[in-house]
N, C-alpha and C. Protein backbone atom coordinates (compact mmCIF):
# COMPACT_ATOMS: atom_id res chain seq x y z
N MET A 1 0.69 -1.17 0.01
CA MET A 1 -0.23 -0.01 0.37
C MET A 1 0.68 1.19 0.17
N ARG A 2 1.97 1.43 0.80
CA ARG A 2 2.92 2.52 1.26
C ARG A 2 3.55 2.82 -0.57
N SER A 3 4.00 1.64 -1.02
CA SER A 3 4.57 1.71 -2.49
C SER A 3 3.33 2.16 -3.57
N THR A 4 2.86 1.87 -3.68
CA THR A 4 1.94 2.31 -4.67
C THR A 4 1.38 3.94 -4.30
N ILE A 5 1.29 4.06 -2.36
CA ILE A 5 1.03 5.64 -2.40
C ILE A 5 2.17 6.44 -2.80
N ILE A 6 3.49 6.36 -2.59
CA ILE A 6 4.88 6.80 -3.09
C ILE A 6 4.84 6.81 -4.60
N ALA A 7 4.53 5.57 -5.33
CA ALA A 7 4.76 6.05 -6.90
C ALA A 7 3.39 6.49 -7.45
N SER A 8 2.28 6.85 -6.81
CA SER A 8 1.23 7.55 -7.28
C SER A 8 2.11 9.26 -7.30
N VAL A 9 2.55 9.65 -5.67
CA VAL A 9 3.23 10.71 -5.88
C VAL A 9 4.00 11.13 -6.88
N ILE A 10 5.02 9.90 -7.05
CA ILE A 10 6.25 10.25 -8.43
C ILE A 10 5.50 10.48 -9.21
N LEU A 11 4.25 9.71 -10.09
CA LEU A 11 4.04 9.96 -11.27
C LEU A 11 3.53 10.95 -11.04
N ALA A 12 2.17 11.81 -10.17
CA ALA A 12 1.83 13.16 -10.35
C ALA A 12 3.01 14.10 -10.35
N ALA A 13 3.98 14.12 -9.79
CA ALA A 13 5.29 14.75 -9.63
C ALA A 13 5.66 14.67 -11.06
N VAL A 14 5.71 13.76 -11.58
CA VAL A 14 6.82 14.07 -12.74
C VAL A 14 5.65 14.64 -14.11
N VAL A 15 4.40 14.47 -13.76
CA VAL A 15 3.33 14.82 -14.88
C VAL A 15 3.34 16.46 -14.24
N ALA A 16 3.51 16.76 -13.39
CA ALA A 16 2.97 18.12 -13.21
C ALA A 16 3.90 19.35 -12.80
N ILE A 17 5.27 18.89 -12.76
CA ILE A 17 6.79 19.59 -12.97
C ILE A 17 6.67 20.03 -14.28
N PRO A 18 6.99 19.22 -15.84
CA PRO A 18 6.72 19.83 -16.76
C PRO A 18 6.10 20.96 -17.36
N ALA A 19 4.50 20.45 -16.99
CA ALA A 19 3.46 21.62 -16.72
C ALA A 19 3.36 22.88 -16.27
N ALA A 20 4.04 22.83 -14.88
CA ALA A 20 4.41 24.12 -14.11
C ALA A 20 5.41 24.93 -14.68
N ALA A 21 6.37 24.24 -15.21
CA ALA A 21 7.59 25.20 -15.40
C ALA A 21 7.66 25.12 -16.83
N GLN A 22 6.50 24.96 -17.83
CA GLN A 22 6.56 25.50 -18.67
C GLN A 22 6.04 26.93 -19.10
N ASP A 23 6.51 27.84 -19.13
CA ASP A 23 5.73 29.30 -19.05
C ASP A 23 5.57 29.65 -20.44
N THR A 24 4.16 29.30 -21.01
CA THR A 24 3.56 29.90 -22.32
C THR A 24 2.84 31.37 -22.44
N THR A 25 3.17 31.94 -21.84
CA THR A 25 2.78 33.61 -21.97
C THR A 25 3.53 34.28 -23.37
N HIS A 26 2.81 35.03 -24.24
CA HIS A 26 3.37 35.36 -25.19
C HIS A 26 4.99 35.77 -25.15
N HIS A 27 5.28 36.66 -24.17
CA HIS A 27 6.41 37.46 -23.99
C HIS A 27 7.41 36.37 -23.61
N ALA A 28 7.32 35.30 -22.48
CA ALA A 28 8.20 33.90 -22.70
C ALA A 28 8.57 33.75 -23.99
N MET A 29 7.51 33.27 -24.92
CA MET A 29 7.52 32.36 -25.81
C MET A 29 8.41 33.08 -26.70
N ALA A 30 8.16 34.47 -26.97
CA ALA A 30 8.93 35.40 -27.57
C ALA A 30 10.18 35.34 -27.14
N HIS A 31 10.47 35.63 -25.96
CA HIS A 31 11.73 35.55 -25.64
C HIS A 31 12.51 34.29 -26.09
N ARG A 32 12.08 33.35 -25.87
CA ARG A 32 12.57 31.57 -26.44
C ARG A 32 13.02 31.82 -27.51
N THR A 33 11.88 32.14 -28.41
CA THR A 33 12.05 31.81 -29.88
C THR A 33 12.48 33.01 -30.86
N GLY A 34 12.56 34.03 -30.00
CA GLY A 34 13.00 35.27 -30.93
C GLY A 34 12.10 35.44 -32.25
N THR A 35 12.89 35.86 -33.77
CA THR A 35 12.35 36.22 -34.75
C THR A 35 11.24 35.06 -35.17
N ARG A 36 11.17 34.22 -34.96
CA ARG A 36 10.80 33.12 -35.29
C ARG A 36 9.44 33.07 -34.76
N HIS A 37 9.44 33.16 -33.68
CA HIS A 37 7.97 33.22 -32.88
C HIS A 37 7.40 34.03 -33.61
N ALA A 38 7.85 35.74 -34.06
CA ALA A 38 7.12 36.38 -33.84
C ALA A 38 6.41 36.26 -35.73
N ARG A 39 7.39 35.73 -36.38
CA ARG A 39 6.74 34.97 -37.87
C ARG A 39 5.16 34.53 -37.50
N VAL A 40 5.56 33.21 -36.67
CA VAL A 40 4.64 32.19 -36.27
C VAL A 40 3.44 33.11 -35.88
N SER A 41 3.71 33.99 -34.95
CA SER A 41 2.43 34.74 -34.72
C SER A 41 2.09 35.81 -35.03
N LEU A 42 2.49 36.44 -36.33
CA LEU A 42 2.09 36.69 -37.30
C LEU A 42 1.45 36.12 -38.32
N ALA A 43 1.92 34.94 -38.59
CA ALA A 43 1.08 33.94 -39.20
C ALA A 43 -0.40 33.44 -38.96
N SER A 44 -0.42 33.34 -37.43
CA SER A 44 -2.18 33.07 -36.78
C SER A 44 -2.81 34.09 -36.68
N GLN A 45 -2.16 35.22 -36.90
CA GLN A 45 -3.55 36.56 -37.42
C GLN A 45 -3.87 36.69 -38.38
N ALA A 46 -3.13 35.95 -39.53
CA ALA A 46 -3.65 35.88 -41.03
C ALA A 46 -5.07 35.78 -40.93
N LYS A 47 -5.82 36.10 -41.99
CA LYS A 47 -6.79 35.33 -42.02
C LYS A 47 -7.20 34.88 -43.75
N ILE A 48 -6.08 35.52 -44.72
CA ILE A 48 -6.23 34.61 -45.80
C ILE A 48 -4.47 34.13 -45.98
N SER A 49 -5.01 32.96 -46.46
CA SER A 49 -3.29 31.92 -46.82
C SER A 49 -2.19 32.62 -47.90
N LYS A 50 -1.33 32.48 -47.76
CA LYS A 50 -0.26 32.85 -48.60
C LYS A 50 -0.60 32.89 -50.09
N ASP A 51 -1.13 31.66 -50.69
CA ASP A 51 -1.62 31.13 -51.69
C ASP A 51 -2.85 32.07 -52.03
N SER A 52 -3.47 32.20 -51.23
CA SER A 52 -4.69 33.12 -51.97
C SER A 52 -4.31 34.78 -51.85
N ALA A 53 -3.30 35.67 -51.31
CA ALA A 53 -2.81 36.62 -51.30
C ALA A 53 -1.95 36.42 -52.95
N GLN A 54 -1.09 35.79 -53.11
CA GLN A 54 -0.30 35.58 -54.24
C GLN A 54 -1.05 35.75 -55.64
N THR A 55 -2.12 34.81 -55.81
CA THR A 55 -3.39 34.78 -56.50
C THR A 55 -3.35 36.13 -57.11
N VAL A 56 -4.20 36.96 -56.00
CA VAL A 56 -4.66 38.19 -55.80
C VAL A 56 -3.89 39.25 -56.41
N ALA A 57 -2.27 38.92 -56.14
CA ALA A 57 -0.97 39.84 -56.33
C ALA A 57 -0.25 39.87 -57.97
N LEU A 58 -0.88 38.58 -57.93
CA LEU A 58 -0.36 38.06 -59.51
C LEU A 58 -0.88 38.42 -60.86
N ALA A 59 -2.44 38.77 -60.19
CA ALA A 59 -3.66 39.42 -61.07
C ALA A 59 -3.49 40.74 -61.19
N GLN A 60 -2.80 41.32 -60.59
CA GLN A 60 -2.55 43.08 -60.46
C GLN A 60 -1.41 43.31 -61.90
N VAL A 61 -0.84 42.50 -62.15
CA VAL A 61 0.50 42.56 -62.54
C VAL A 61 0.19 41.70 -64.62
N ALA A 62 1.06 42.39 -65.38
CA ALA A 62 1.41 41.48 -66.82
C ALA A 62 0.81 40.24 -66.46
N ALA A 63 0.70 38.69 -67.85
CA ALA A 63 1.06 37.65 -67.66
C ALA A 63 2.47 37.24 -67.89
N GLY A 64 2.28 35.98 -67.18
CA GLY A 64 3.83 35.47 -67.29
C GLY A 64 4.88 36.12 -65.88
N SER A 65 4.18 36.85 -65.29
CA SER A 65 5.22 37.70 -64.09
C SER A 65 5.45 36.42 -62.82
N THR A 66 6.58 36.82 -62.19
CA THR A 66 7.08 35.56 -61.46
C THR A 66 6.86 36.29 -59.97
N VAL A 67 6.65 35.60 -59.14
CA VAL A 67 7.29 36.02 -57.44
C VAL A 67 8.58 36.14 -57.41
N LYS A 68 9.08 37.09 -56.72
CA LYS A 68 10.61 36.73 -56.73
C LYS A 68 10.74 36.54 -55.23
N SER A 69 10.19 37.30 -54.31
CA SER A 69 9.93 37.21 -52.85
C SER A 69 9.13 37.77 -52.07
N SER A 70 9.25 36.70 -51.19
CA SER A 70 7.29 37.16 -50.05
C SER A 70 7.47 37.29 -49.08
N GLU A 71 6.90 38.02 -48.34
CA GLU A 71 7.06 37.88 -46.90
C GLU A 71 5.61 38.59 -46.67
N LEU A 72 5.27 37.58 -45.05
CA LEU A 72 4.73 38.15 -43.85
C LEU A 72 4.69 39.30 -43.23
N GLU A 73 4.05 40.55 -43.21
CA GLU A 73 5.02 41.30 -42.32
C GLU A 73 3.67 42.69 -41.92
N LYS A 74 3.98 43.60 -40.95
CA LYS A 74 3.54 44.24 -40.61
C LYS A 74 3.80 45.47 -41.28
N GLU A 75 2.98 46.39 -42.02
CA GLU A 75 3.58 47.41 -42.70
C GLU A 75 2.84 48.47 -42.60
N LYS A 76 3.01 49.72 -41.81
CA LYS A 76 1.93 50.91 -41.73
C LYS A 76 0.78 50.39 -40.61
N GLY A 77 0.92 49.79 -39.91
CA GLY A 77 -0.07 48.78 -38.92
C GLY A 77 -0.41 47.90 -39.44
N LYS A 78 -0.31 47.81 -40.79
CA LYS A 78 -1.44 46.89 -41.20
C LYS A 78 -0.77 45.29 -41.59
N LEU A 79 -1.31 44.06 -41.36
CA LEU A 79 -0.71 43.01 -41.36
C LEU A 79 -0.78 42.56 -42.92
N VAL A 80 0.12 42.16 -43.71
CA VAL A 80 0.08 42.29 -45.79
C VAL A 80 1.01 41.15 -45.55
N TYR A 81 0.76 40.73 -46.69
CA TYR A 81 1.97 39.92 -47.63
C TYR A 81 2.73 40.53 -48.12
N SER A 82 3.71 40.62 -48.87
CA SER A 82 4.42 41.51 -49.12
C SER A 82 5.20 40.78 -50.31
N PHE A 83 5.03 40.83 -51.80
CA PHE A 83 5.29 40.42 -52.91
C PHE A 83 5.96 41.24 -54.30
N ASP A 84 7.54 40.73 -54.20
CA ASP A 84 8.23 41.51 -55.22
C ASP A 84 7.88 40.80 -56.09
N ILE A 85 7.74 41.65 -57.08
CA ILE A 85 7.32 40.44 -58.73
C ILE A 85 7.97 40.86 -59.73
N THR A 86 8.73 40.16 -60.52
CA THR A 86 9.43 40.73 -61.90
C THR A 86 8.03 40.39 -62.90
N VAL A 87 8.68 41.37 -63.98
CA VAL A 87 7.30 41.61 -65.13
C VAL A 87 8.25 41.11 -66.33
N PRO A 88 7.76 40.46 -67.37
CA PRO A 88 8.64 40.04 -68.55
C PRO A 88 8.93 41.46 -69.13
N GLY A 89 10.17 42.11 -69.82
CA GLY A 89 9.90 43.26 -70.33
C GLY A 89 10.17 44.23 -69.47
N GLN A 90 10.29 44.46 -68.30
CA GLN A 90 10.47 45.30 -67.20
C GLN A 90 11.43 45.40 -66.58
N THR A 91 12.61 46.30 -65.88
CA THR A 91 13.90 46.14 -64.87
C THR A 91 12.35 46.70 -63.77
N GLY A 92 13.65 46.10 -62.85
CA GLY A 92 13.12 46.08 -61.41
C GLY A 92 12.17 45.28 -60.75
N VAL A 93 10.96 45.46 -60.05
CA VAL A 93 10.24 44.41 -59.76
C VAL A 93 8.62 45.70 -59.37
N GLU A 94 7.77 45.18 -59.27
CA GLU A 94 6.30 45.49 -58.62
C GLU A 94 6.53 44.61 -57.30
N GLU A 95 6.34 45.74 -56.39
CA GLU A 95 5.83 45.93 -55.49
C GLU A 95 4.29 45.66 -54.97
N LEU A 96 4.03 44.61 -54.41
CA LEU A 96 2.37 44.28 -54.13
C LEU A 96 2.30 44.09 -52.72
N ASN A 97 1.54 44.57 -51.64
CA ASN A 97 1.13 44.53 -50.34
C ASN A 97 -0.31 44.08 -50.39
N ILE A 98 -0.20 43.03 -50.15
CA ILE A 98 -2.00 42.49 -50.16
C ILE A 98 -1.89 42.27 -48.96
N SER A 99 -3.42 42.79 -48.14
CA SER A 99 -4.05 42.42 -46.77
C SER A 99 -3.93 41.37 -46.75
N ALA A 100 -3.23 40.48 -45.08
CA ALA A 100 -3.65 39.42 -44.97
C ALA A 100 -4.86 38.94 -44.17
N ILE A 101 -5.36 40.10 -44.01
CA ILE A 101 -6.77 39.85 -43.47
C ILE A 101 -7.67 39.77 -44.06
N ASP A 102 -8.10 40.46 -45.64
CA ASP A 102 -9.24 40.87 -46.68
C ASP A 102 -8.91 40.52 -47.98
N GLY A 103 -7.72 40.04 -48.27
CA GLY A 103 -7.08 40.06 -49.30
C GLY A 103 -7.27 41.42 -50.86
N SER A 104 -7.36 42.75 -49.87
CA SER A 104 -7.04 43.54 -50.61
C SER A 104 -5.76 44.13 -51.15
N VAL A 105 -6.14 44.99 -52.01
CA VAL A 105 -4.56 45.43 -52.27
C VAL A 105 -4.19 46.41 -51.24
N VAL A 106 -3.22 46.87 -50.95
CA VAL A 106 -3.18 47.83 -49.78
C VAL A 106 -2.16 48.90 -50.40
N ALA A 107 -1.20 47.99 -51.52
CA ALA A 107 -0.16 49.05 -52.32
C ALA A 107 0.11 48.43 -53.09
N HIS A 108 0.71 49.16 -54.24
CA HIS A 108 1.19 48.86 -55.63
C HIS A 108 1.95 49.75 -56.00
N GLU A 109 3.72 49.30 -55.89
CA GLU A 109 4.53 50.07 -56.62
C GLU A 109 5.27 49.66 -57.79
N HIS A 110 5.83 50.24 -58.28
CA HIS A 110 6.96 49.74 -59.31
C HIS A 110 8.59 50.56 -58.51
N GLU A 111 9.27 49.50 -58.17
CA GLU A 111 10.58 49.64 -57.51
C GLU A 111 11.18 49.93 -58.77
N SER A 112 12.53 50.43 -59.11
CA SER A 112 13.70 50.53 -60.15
C SER A 112 14.52 49.69 -59.34
N ALA A 113 15.43 48.93 -60.41
CA ALA A 113 16.38 48.01 -59.70
C ALA A 113 17.11 48.52 -58.71
N ALA A 114 17.42 50.14 -58.87
CA ALA A 114 18.42 50.94 -57.24
C ALA A 114 17.48 51.05 -56.47
N LYS A 115 16.49 51.08 -56.28
CA LYS A 115 15.52 51.47 -55.69
C LYS A 115 15.54 50.09 -54.61
N GLU A 116 15.37 49.33 -55.28
CA GLU A 116 15.43 47.56 -54.69
C GLU A 116 16.56 47.07 -54.02
N ALA A 117 17.92 47.90 -54.73
CA ALA A 117 19.12 47.25 -54.38
C ALA A 117 19.51 47.98 -52.85
N LYS A 118 18.80 48.95 -52.36
CA LYS A 118 19.41 50.08 -51.46
C LYS A 118 17.73 49.24 -50.76
N GLU A 119 17.41 49.08 -50.86
CA GLU A 119 16.18 48.66 -49.88
C GLU A 119 16.71 47.10 -49.42
N ALA A 120 17.30 46.36 -49.91
CA ALA A 120 17.89 44.86 -49.95
C ALA A 120 19.12 45.52 -48.79
N LYS A 121 20.33 46.18 -49.25
CA LYS A 121 21.33 46.90 -48.16
C LYS A 121 20.79 47.27 -47.15
N ALA A 122 19.38 48.32 -46.88
CA ALA A 122 19.36 49.03 -45.63
C ALA A 122 18.50 47.25 -45.32
N GLU A 123 17.57 46.31 -45.11
CA GLU A 123 17.61 45.20 -44.60
C GLU A 123 18.42 44.48 -43.94
N LYS A 124 19.67 44.60 -44.77
CA LYS A 124 20.82 43.48 -44.88
C LYS A 124 21.69 44.27 -43.54
N ALA A 125 21.85 45.47 -43.58
CA ALA A 125 22.23 46.12 -42.29
C ALA A 125 21.01 46.16 -41.08
N GLU A 126 20.01 45.77 -41.10
CA GLU A 126 19.28 45.94 -40.04
C GLU A 126 19.27 44.70 -39.36
N LYS A 127 19.75 43.70 -40.34
CA LYS A 127 19.89 42.10 -39.46
C LYS A 127 21.45 42.05 -39.01
N LYS A 128 21.99 42.77 -39.87
CA LYS A 128 23.14 42.40 -39.18
C LYS A 128 24.03 43.32 -37.99
N PRO A 129 24.55 42.33 -36.55
CA PRO A 129 24.81 43.19 -35.68
C PRO A 129 26.19 44.32 -35.85
N THR A 130 25.87 45.60 -35.00
CA THR A 130 26.99 46.10 -35.45
C THR A 130 28.13 45.74 -34.92
N LYS A 131 29.11 46.87 -35.06
CA LYS A 131 30.70 46.12 -34.17
C LYS A 131 30.47 46.66 -33.18
N LYS A 132 29.71 47.80 -32.86
CA LYS A 132 29.48 48.01 -31.21
C LYS A 132 28.76 47.34 -30.48
N ALA A 133 27.58 46.36 -31.12
CA ALA A 133 27.10 45.16 -30.44
C ALA A 133 28.05 44.23 -29.97
N TYR A 134 28.52 43.81 -31.27
CA TYR A 134 30.28 42.55 -30.88
C TYR A 134 30.79 42.89 -29.53
N LYS A 135 31.60 44.45 -29.39
CA LYS A 135 32.05 44.91 -28.22
C LYS A 135 31.73 44.56 -27.31
N ALA A 136 30.08 45.23 -27.10
CA ALA A 136 29.49 45.07 -26.03
C ALA A 136 29.34 43.33 -25.56
N LYS A 137 28.68 42.67 -26.24
CA LYS A 137 28.57 41.24 -25.83
C LYS A 137 30.16 40.83 -25.47
N ALA A 138 31.06 40.82 -26.34
CA ALA A 138 32.54 40.83 -25.90
C ALA A 138 32.99 41.17 -24.61
N ALA A 139 32.51 42.54 -23.91
CA ALA A 139 33.22 43.15 -22.82
C ALA A 139 32.21 42.00 -21.50
N THR A 140 30.88 41.89 -21.97
CA THR A 140 29.96 41.64 -20.90
C THR A 140 30.29 39.73 -20.75
N THR A 141 31.08 39.18 -21.72
CA THR A 141 31.48 37.76 -21.63
C THR A 141 32.56 37.55 -21.73
N ASP A 142 33.61 38.41 -21.55
CA ASP A 142 35.11 38.50 -21.19
C ASP A 142 35.00 37.84 -19.83
N THR A 143 35.75 36.60 -19.50
CA THR A 143 35.83 36.01 -18.57
C THR A 143 37.68 36.12 -17.89
N THR A 144 38.33 36.77 -18.69
CA THR A 144 39.71 36.36 -18.74
C THR A 144 40.16 37.42 -17.99
N LYS A 145 39.35 38.68 -17.81
CA LYS A 145 39.41 39.99 -16.76
C LYS A 145 38.88 39.31 -15.35
N LYS A 146 39.77 40.11 -14.22
CA LYS A 146 39.57 39.64 -13.06
C LYS A 146 39.54 40.99 -12.48
N PRO A 147 37.81 40.77 -11.46
CA PRO A 147 37.56 42.33 -11.00
C PRO A 147 38.74 42.99 -10.10
């Protein structure tokens, strides 16, 4: 009888500990998963699929156009699928923003090759840590210095 009670207590503890230890709040999950969670969170807010949004976007440009890149993002406070579309016989790309909520065209503009390159460079710089950030991290993790 005593061993049955002990086994029951151990089993209850094994089941309860992981559930109690797991913090599933938005803040904790965002902290654990970083930007990947942000994309998952945006995707969970979308009411239409990326494929549906792409169909809408391609209907706005000439036949034979192809999607060069796409992403789900918040743009000016709206959740949109952003598509860069190459059009046969044109330089640059057509950038279309399609509402991820109702599928409407939010924005449509032509980006020249120069403007597209400038945007790509800005996005790359945004994602790349600066030298100052590397130095700050190194200063906080340097174990060779003695207090």
